[in-house]
Amino acid sequence: MRVKCVICDKIESIDDESLIAKRLRNRPIHTFMCNDCHKRISDRTNARIESGNFRLYRPIDEKEDW
């Protein structure tokens, strides 16, 4: 299966029976990102987290006492 990276538009081929290929076929909302872009994004995110200027806003779970 030929896929195109959503960030850099590089075309790669992946195995037709792989989990990624199945997700792309069955759910069009899933997108493909090449390994280079994925690594670059994860490295930059980790660098921002380590700098201390990165705040992750997570929703506060309200516990209900039933």
PDB file of N, CA and C in Angstrom:
ATOM      1  N   MET A   1       0.843  -1.166   0.000  1.00  0.00           N
ATOM      2  CA  MET A   1       0.000   0.000   0.000  1.00  0.00           C
ATOM      3  C   MET A   1       0.900   1.244   0.000  1.00  0.00           C
ATOM      4  N   ARG A   2       0.583   2.180  -0.859  1.00  0.00           N
ATOM      5  CA  ARG A   2       1.340   3.433  -0.905  1.00  0.00           C
ATOM      6  C   ARG A   2       0.618   4.474  -0.076  1.00  0.00           C
ATOM      7  N   VAL A   3       1.375   5.150   0.790  1.00  0.00           N
ATOM      8  CA  VAL A   3       0.804   6.178   1.660  1.00  0.00           C
ATOM      9  C   VAL A   3       1.632   7.447   1.549  1.00  0.00           C
ATOM     10  N   LYS A   4       1.011   8.568   1.888  1.00  0.00           N
ATOM     11  CA  LYS A   4       1.658   9.866   1.788  1.00  0.00           C
ATOM     12  C   LYS A   4       1.652  10.526   3.161  1.00  0.00           C
ATOM     13  N   CYS A   5       2.795  11.035   3.575  1.00  0.00           N
ATOM     14  CA  CYS A   5       2.924  11.721   4.859  1.00  0.00           C
ATOM     15  C   CYS A   5       2.139  13.029   4.804  1.00  0.00           C
ATOM     16  N   VAL A   6       1.392  13.321   5.861  1.00  0.00           N
ATOM     17  CA  VAL A   6       0.563  14.527   5.873  1.00  0.00           C
ATOM     18  C   VAL A   6       1.384  15.792   6.080  1.00  0.00           C
ATOM     19  N   ILE A   7       2.609  15.673   6.571  1.00  0.00           N
ATOM     20  CA  ILE A   7       3.427  16.851   6.854  1.00  0.00           C
ATOM     21  C   ILE A   7       4.381  17.170   5.702  1.00  0.00           C
ATOM     22  N   CYS A   8       5.170  16.174   5.297  1.00  0.00           N
ATOM     23  CA  CYS A   8       6.205  16.456   4.293  1.00  0.00           C
ATOM     24  C   CYS A   8       5.852  15.959   2.889  1.00  0.00           C
ATOM     25  N   ASP A   9       4.710  15.307   2.719  1.00  0.00           N
ATOM     26  CA  ASP A   9       4.232  14.791   1.426  1.00  0.00           C
ATOM     27  C   ASP A   9       5.160  13.757   0.802  1.00  0.00           C
ATOM     28  N   LYS A  10       5.937  13.056   1.644  1.00  0.00           N
ATOM     29  CA  LYS A  10       6.794  11.986   1.144  1.00  0.00           C
ATOM     30  C   LYS A  10       5.945  10.725   0.979  1.00  0.00           C
ATOM     31  N   ILE A  11       6.110  10.043  -0.129  1.00  0.00           N
ATOM     32  CA  ILE A  11       5.344   8.828  -0.411  1.00  0.00           C
ATOM     33  C   ILE A  11       6.167   7.615  -0.007  1.00  0.00           C
ATOM     34  N   GLU A  12       5.558   6.739   0.796  1.00  0.00           N
ATOM     35  CA  GLU A  12       6.187   5.504   1.249  1.00  0.00           C
ATOM     36  C   GLU A  12       5.262   4.340   0.961  1.00  0.00           C
ATOM     37  N   SER A  13       5.811   3.155   0.984  1.00  0.00           N
ATOM     38  CA  SER A  13       4.969   1.971   0.837  1.00  0.00           C
ATOM     39  C   SER A  13       5.039   1.167   2.128  1.00  0.00           C
ATOM     40  N   ILE A  14       3.876   0.706   2.579  1.00  0.00           N
ATOM     41  CA  ILE A  14       3.789  -0.103   3.788  1.00  0.00           C
ATOM     42  C   ILE A  14       3.132  -1.422   3.434  1.00  0.00           C
ATOM     43  N   ASP A  15       3.290  -2.394   4.298  1.00  0.00           N
ATOM     44  CA  ASP A  15       2.724  -3.716   4.093  1.00  0.00           C
ATOM     45  C   ASP A  15       1.198  -3.646   4.122  1.00  0.00           C
ATOM     46  N   ASP A  16       0.544  -4.344   3.201  1.00  0.00           N
ATOM     47  CA  ASP A  16      -0.913  -4.304   3.116  1.00  0.00           C
ATOM     48  C   ASP A  16      -1.593  -4.912   4.338  1.00  0.00           C
ATOM     49  N   GLU A  17      -0.948  -5.853   5.012  1.00  0.00           N
ATOM     50  CA  GLU A  17      -1.555  -6.515   6.162  1.00  0.00           C
ATOM     51  C   GLU A  17      -1.142  -5.891   7.491  1.00  0.00           C
ATOM     52  N   SER A  18      -0.438  -4.771   7.474  1.00  0.00           N
ATOM     53  CA  SER A  18      -0.002  -4.157   8.727  1.00  0.00           C
ATOM     54  C   SER A  18      -1.181  -3.456   9.417  1.00  0.00           C
ATOM     55  N   LEU A  19      -1.005  -3.186  10.706  1.00  0.00           N
ATOM     56  CA  LEU A  19      -2.049  -2.531  11.474  1.00  0.00           C
ATOM     57  C   LEU A  19      -2.301  -1.110  10.983  1.00  0.00           C
ATOM     58  N   ILE A  20      -1.242  -0.419  10.596  1.00  0.00           N
ATOM     59  CA  ILE A  20      -1.390   0.946  10.094  1.00  0.00           C
ATOM     60  C   ILE A  20      -2.211   0.958   8.797  1.00  0.00           C
ATOM     61  N   ALA A  21      -1.935   0.014   7.903  1.00  0.00           N
ATOM     62  CA  ALA A  21      -2.667  -0.054   6.637  1.00  0.00           C
ATOM     63  C   ALA A  21      -4.142  -0.350   6.884  1.00  0.00           C
ATOM     64  N   LYS A  22      -4.429  -1.219   7.836  1.00  0.00           N
ATOM     65  CA  LYS A  22      -5.818  -1.543   8.146  1.00  0.00           C
ATOM     66  C   LYS A  22      -6.550  -0.326   8.696  1.00  0.00           C
ATOM     67  N   ARG A  23      -5.888   0.436   9.583  1.00  0.00           N
ATOM     68  CA  ARG A  23      -6.510   1.632  10.136  1.00  0.00           C
ATOM     69  C   ARG A  23      -6.789   2.668   9.046  1.00  0.00           C
ATOM     70  N   LEU A  24      -5.853   2.824   8.120  1.00  0.00           N
ATOM     71  CA  LEU A  24      -6.038   3.801   7.048  1.00  0.00           C
ATOM     72  C   LEU A  24      -7.156   3.390   6.093  1.00  0.00           C
ATOM     73  N   ARG A  25      -7.307   2.096   5.847  1.00  0.00           N
ATOM     74  CA  ARG A  25      -8.367   1.626   4.959  1.00  0.00           C
ATOM     75  C   ARG A  25      -9.740   1.751   5.598  1.00  0.00           C
ATOM     76  N   ASN A  26      -9.853   1.367   6.863  1.00  0.00           N
ATOM     77  CA  ASN A  26     -11.165   1.286   7.502  1.00  0.00           C
ATOM     78  C   ASN A  26     -11.638   2.597   8.110  1.00  0.00           C
ATOM     79  N   ARG A  27     -10.722   3.457   8.477  1.00  0.00           N
ATOM     80  CA  ARG A  27     -11.104   4.728   9.105  1.00  0.00           C
ATOM     81  C   ARG A  27     -10.379   5.870   8.393  1.00  0.00           C
ATOM     82  N   PRO A  28     -11.063   6.558   7.529  1.00  0.00           N
ATOM     83  CA  PRO A  28     -10.401   7.617   6.751  1.00  0.00           C
ATOM     84  C   PRO A  28      -9.907   8.796   7.595  1.00  0.00           C
ATOM     85  N   ILE A  29     -10.364   8.930   8.826  1.00  0.00           N
ATOM     86  CA  ILE A  29      -9.922  10.033   9.665  1.00  0.00           C
ATOM     87  C   ILE A  29      -8.474   9.837  10.113  1.00  0.00           C
ATOM     88  N   HIS A  30      -7.992   8.602  10.123  1.00  0.00           N
ATOM     89  CA  HIS A  30      -6.607   8.339  10.496  1.00  0.00           C
ATOM     90  C   HIS A  30      -5.688   8.817   9.374  1.00  0.00           C
ATOM     91  N   THR A  31      -4.592   9.425   9.749  1.00  0.00           N
ATOM     92  CA  THR A  31      -3.631   9.927   8.767  1.00  0.00           C
ATOM     93  C   THR A  31      -2.282   9.269   9.000  1.00  0.00           C
ATOM     94  N   PHE A  32      -1.450   9.300   7.990  1.00  0.00           N
ATOM     95  CA  PHE A  32      -0.133   8.683   8.055  1.00  0.00           C
ATOM     96  C   PHE A  32       0.926   9.758   8.209  1.00  0.00           C
ATOM     97  N   MET A  33       1.895   9.481   9.090  1.00  0.00           N
ATOM     98  CA  MET A  33       3.035  10.369   9.281  1.00  0.00           C
ATOM     99  C   MET A  33       4.293   9.498   9.187  1.00  0.00           C
ATOM    100  N   CYS A  34       5.262   9.915   8.362  1.00  0.00           N
ATOM    101  CA  CYS A  34       6.480   9.133   8.181  1.00  0.00           C
ATOM    102  C   CYS A  34       7.302   9.122   9.469  1.00  0.00           C
ATOM    103  N   ASN A  35       8.236   8.199   9.561  1.00  0.00           N
ATOM    104  CA  ASN A  35       9.044   8.045  10.772  1.00  0.00           C
ATOM    105  C   ASN A  35       9.900   9.273  11.051  1.00  0.00           C
ATOM    106  N   ASP A  36      10.410   9.926  10.006  1.00  0.00           N
ATOM    107  CA  ASP A  36      11.235  11.121  10.201  1.00  0.00           C
ATOM    108  C   ASP A  36      10.432  12.246  10.853  1.00  0.00           C
ATOM    109  N   CYS A  37       9.228  12.496  10.355  1.00  0.00           N
ATOM    110  CA  CYS A  37       8.388  13.560  10.919  1.00  0.00           C
ATOM    111  C   CYS A  37       7.943  13.193  12.333  1.00  0.00           C
ATOM    112  N   HIS A  38       7.598  11.946  12.546  1.00  0.00           N
ATOM    113  CA  HIS A  38       7.164  11.521  13.878  1.00  0.00           C
ATOM    114  C   HIS A  38       8.285  11.702  14.898  1.00  0.00           C
ATOM    115  N   LYS A  39       9.505  11.334  14.524  1.00  0.00           N
ATOM    116  CA  LYS A  39      10.646  11.485  15.419  1.00  0.00           C
ATOM    117  C   LYS A  39      10.958  12.957  15.673  1.00  0.00           C
ATOM    118  N   ARG A  40      10.884  13.786  14.636  1.00  0.00           N
ATOM    119  CA  ARG A  40      11.155  15.207  14.787  1.00  0.00           C
ATOM    120  C   ARG A  40      10.139  15.873  15.722  1.00  0.00           C
ATOM    121  N   ILE A  41       8.879  15.545  15.585  1.00  0.00           N
ATOM    122  CA  ILE A  41       7.846  16.125  16.440  1.00  0.00           C
ATOM    123  C   ILE A  41       8.013  15.664  17.876  1.00  0.00           C
ATOM    124  N   SER A  42       8.288  14.378  18.081  1.00  0.00           N
ATOM    125  CA  SER A  42       8.446  13.877  19.453  1.00  0.00           C
ATOM    126  C   SER A  42       9.689  14.466  20.127  1.00  0.00           C
ATOM    127  N   ASP A  43      10.781  14.641  19.373  1.00  0.00           N
ATOM    128  CA  ASP A  43      11.992  15.244  19.946  1.00  0.00           C
ATOM    129  C   ASP A  43      11.750  16.694  20.359  1.00  0.00           C
ATOM    130  N   ARG A  44      11.081  17.455  19.507  1.00  0.00           N
ATOM    131  CA  ARG A  44      10.821  18.856  19.827  1.00  0.00           C
ATOM    132  C   ARG A  44       9.841  18.995  20.990  1.00  0.00           C
ATOM    133  N   THR A  45       8.855  18.115  21.068  1.00  0.00           N
ATOM    134  CA  THR A  45       7.903  18.156  22.177  1.00  0.00           C
ATOM    135  C   THR A  45       8.598  17.832  23.483  1.00  0.00           C
ATOM    136  N   ASN A  46       9.452  16.815  23.474  1.00  0.00           N
ATOM    137  CA  ASN A  46      10.187  16.464  24.696  1.00  0.00           C
ATOM    138  C   ASN A  46      11.134  17.585  25.114  1.00  0.00           C
ATOM    139  N   ALA A  47      11.726  18.280  24.163  1.00  0.00           N
ATOM    140  CA  ALA A  47      12.603  19.410  24.489  1.00  0.00           C
ATOM    141  C   ALA A  47      11.809  20.546  25.129  1.00  0.00           C
ATOM    142  N   ARG A  48      10.583  20.792  24.640  1.00  0.00           N
ATOM    143  CA  ARG A  48       9.750  21.837  25.239  1.00  0.00           C
ATOM    144  C   ARG A  48       9.300  21.441  26.642  1.00  0.00           C
ATOM    145  N   ILE A  49       9.007  20.175  26.850  1.00  0.00           N
ATOM    146  CA  ILE A  49       8.605  19.712  28.183  1.00  0.00           C
ATOM    147  C   ILE A  49       9.751  19.885  29.164  1.00  0.00           C
ATOM    148  N   GLU A  50      10.962  19.547  28.751  1.00  0.00           N
ATOM    149  CA  GLU A  50      12.127  19.663  29.630  1.00  0.00           C
ATOM    150  C   GLU A  50      12.504  21.116  29.904  1.00  0.00           C
ATOM    151  N   SER A  51      12.138  22.035  29.016  1.00  0.00           N
ATOM    152  CA  SER A  51      12.484  23.438  29.227  1.00  0.00           C
ATOM    153  C   SER A  51      11.667  24.072  30.345  1.00  0.00           C
ATOM    154  N   GLY A  52      10.521  23.507  30.661  1.00  0.00           N
ATOM    155  CA  GLY A  52       9.673  24.040  31.714  1.00  0.00           C
ATOM    156  C   GLY A  52       8.650  25.044  31.218  1.00  0.00           C
ATOM    157  N   ASN A  53       8.667  25.407  29.948  1.00  0.00           N
ATOM    158  CA  ASN A  53       7.712  26.362  29.398  1.00  0.00           C
ATOM    159  C   ASN A  53       6.488  25.696  28.795  1.00  0.00           C
ATOM    160  N   PHE A  54       6.414  24.414  28.889  1.00  0.00           N
ATOM    161  CA  PHE A  54       5.330  23.647  28.284  1.00  0.00           C
ATOM    162  C   PHE A  54       4.354  23.234  29.377  1.00  0.00           C
ATOM    163  N   ARG A  55       3.098  23.630  29.229  1.00  0.00           N
ATOM    164  CA  ARG A  55       2.080  23.247  30.202  1.00  0.00           C
ATOM    165  C   ARG A  55       1.034  22.420  29.488  1.00  0.00           C
ATOM    166  N   LEU A  56       0.737  21.290  30.039  1.00  0.00           N
ATOM    167  CA  LEU A  56      -0.264  20.408  29.465  1.00  0.00           C
ATOM    168  C   LEU A  56      -1.539  20.560  30.277  1.00  0.00           C
ATOM    169  N   TYR A  57      -2.553  21.106  29.670  1.00  0.00           N
ATOM    170  CA  TYR A  57      -3.824  21.317  30.347  1.00  0.00           C
ATOM    171  C   TYR A  57      -4.687  20.085  30.160  1.00  0.00           C
ATOM    172  N   ARG A  58      -4.890  19.373  31.233  1.00  0.00           N
ATOM    173  CA  ARG A  58      -5.733  18.185  31.206  1.00  0.00           C
ATOM    174  C   ARG A  58      -7.034  18.491  31.935  1.00  0.00           C
ATOM    175  N   PRO A  59      -8.114  17.915  31.465  1.00  0.00           N
ATOM    176  CA  PRO A  59      -9.385  18.184  32.145  1.00  0.00           C
ATOM    177  C   PRO A  59      -9.385  17.585  33.553  1.00  0.00           C
ATOM    178  N   ILE A  60      -9.988  18.316  34.465  1.00  0.00           N
ATOM    179  CA  ILE A  60     -10.080  17.849  35.846  1.00  0.00           C
ATOM    180  C   ILE A  60     -11.296  16.944  35.945  1.00  0.00           C
ATOM    181  N   ASP A  61     -11.060  15.720  36.389  1.00  0.00           N
ATOM    182  CA  ASP A  61     -12.153  14.767  36.538  1.00  0.00           C
ATOM    183  C   ASP A  61     -12.884  15.042  37.842  1.00  0.00           C
ATOM    184  N   GLU A  62     -14.171  15.265  37.704  1.00  0.00           N
ATOM    185  CA  GLU A  62     -14.983  15.481  38.889  1.00  0.00           C
ATOM    186  C   GLU A  62     -15.537  14.134  39.329  1.00  0.00           C
ATOM    187  N   LYS A  63     -15.257  13.771  40.554  1.00  0.00           N
ATOM    188  CA  LYS A  63     -15.752  12.496  41.075  1.00  0.00           C
ATOM    189  C   LYS A  63     -17.146  12.698  41.646  1.00  0.00           C
ATOM    190  N   GLU A  64     -18.021  11.852  41.206  1.00  0.00           N
ATOM    191  CA  GLU A  64     -19.396  11.916  41.690  1.00  0.00           C
ATOM    192  C   GLU A  64     -19.588  10.857  42.759  1.00  0.00           C
ATOM    193  N   ASP A  65     -20.176  11.259  43.865  1.00  0.00           N
ATOM    194  CA  ASP A  65     -20.449  10.325  44.954  1.00  0.00           C
ATOM    195  C   ASP A  65     -21.899   9.876  44.868  1.00  0.00           C
ATOM    196  N   TRP A  66     -22.120   8.748  44.276  1.00  0.00           N
ATOM    197  CA  TRP A  66     -23.473   8.219  44.162  1.00  0.00           C
ATOM    198  C   TRP A  66     -23.685   7.226  45.241  1.00  0.00           C
TER     199      TRP A  66
END
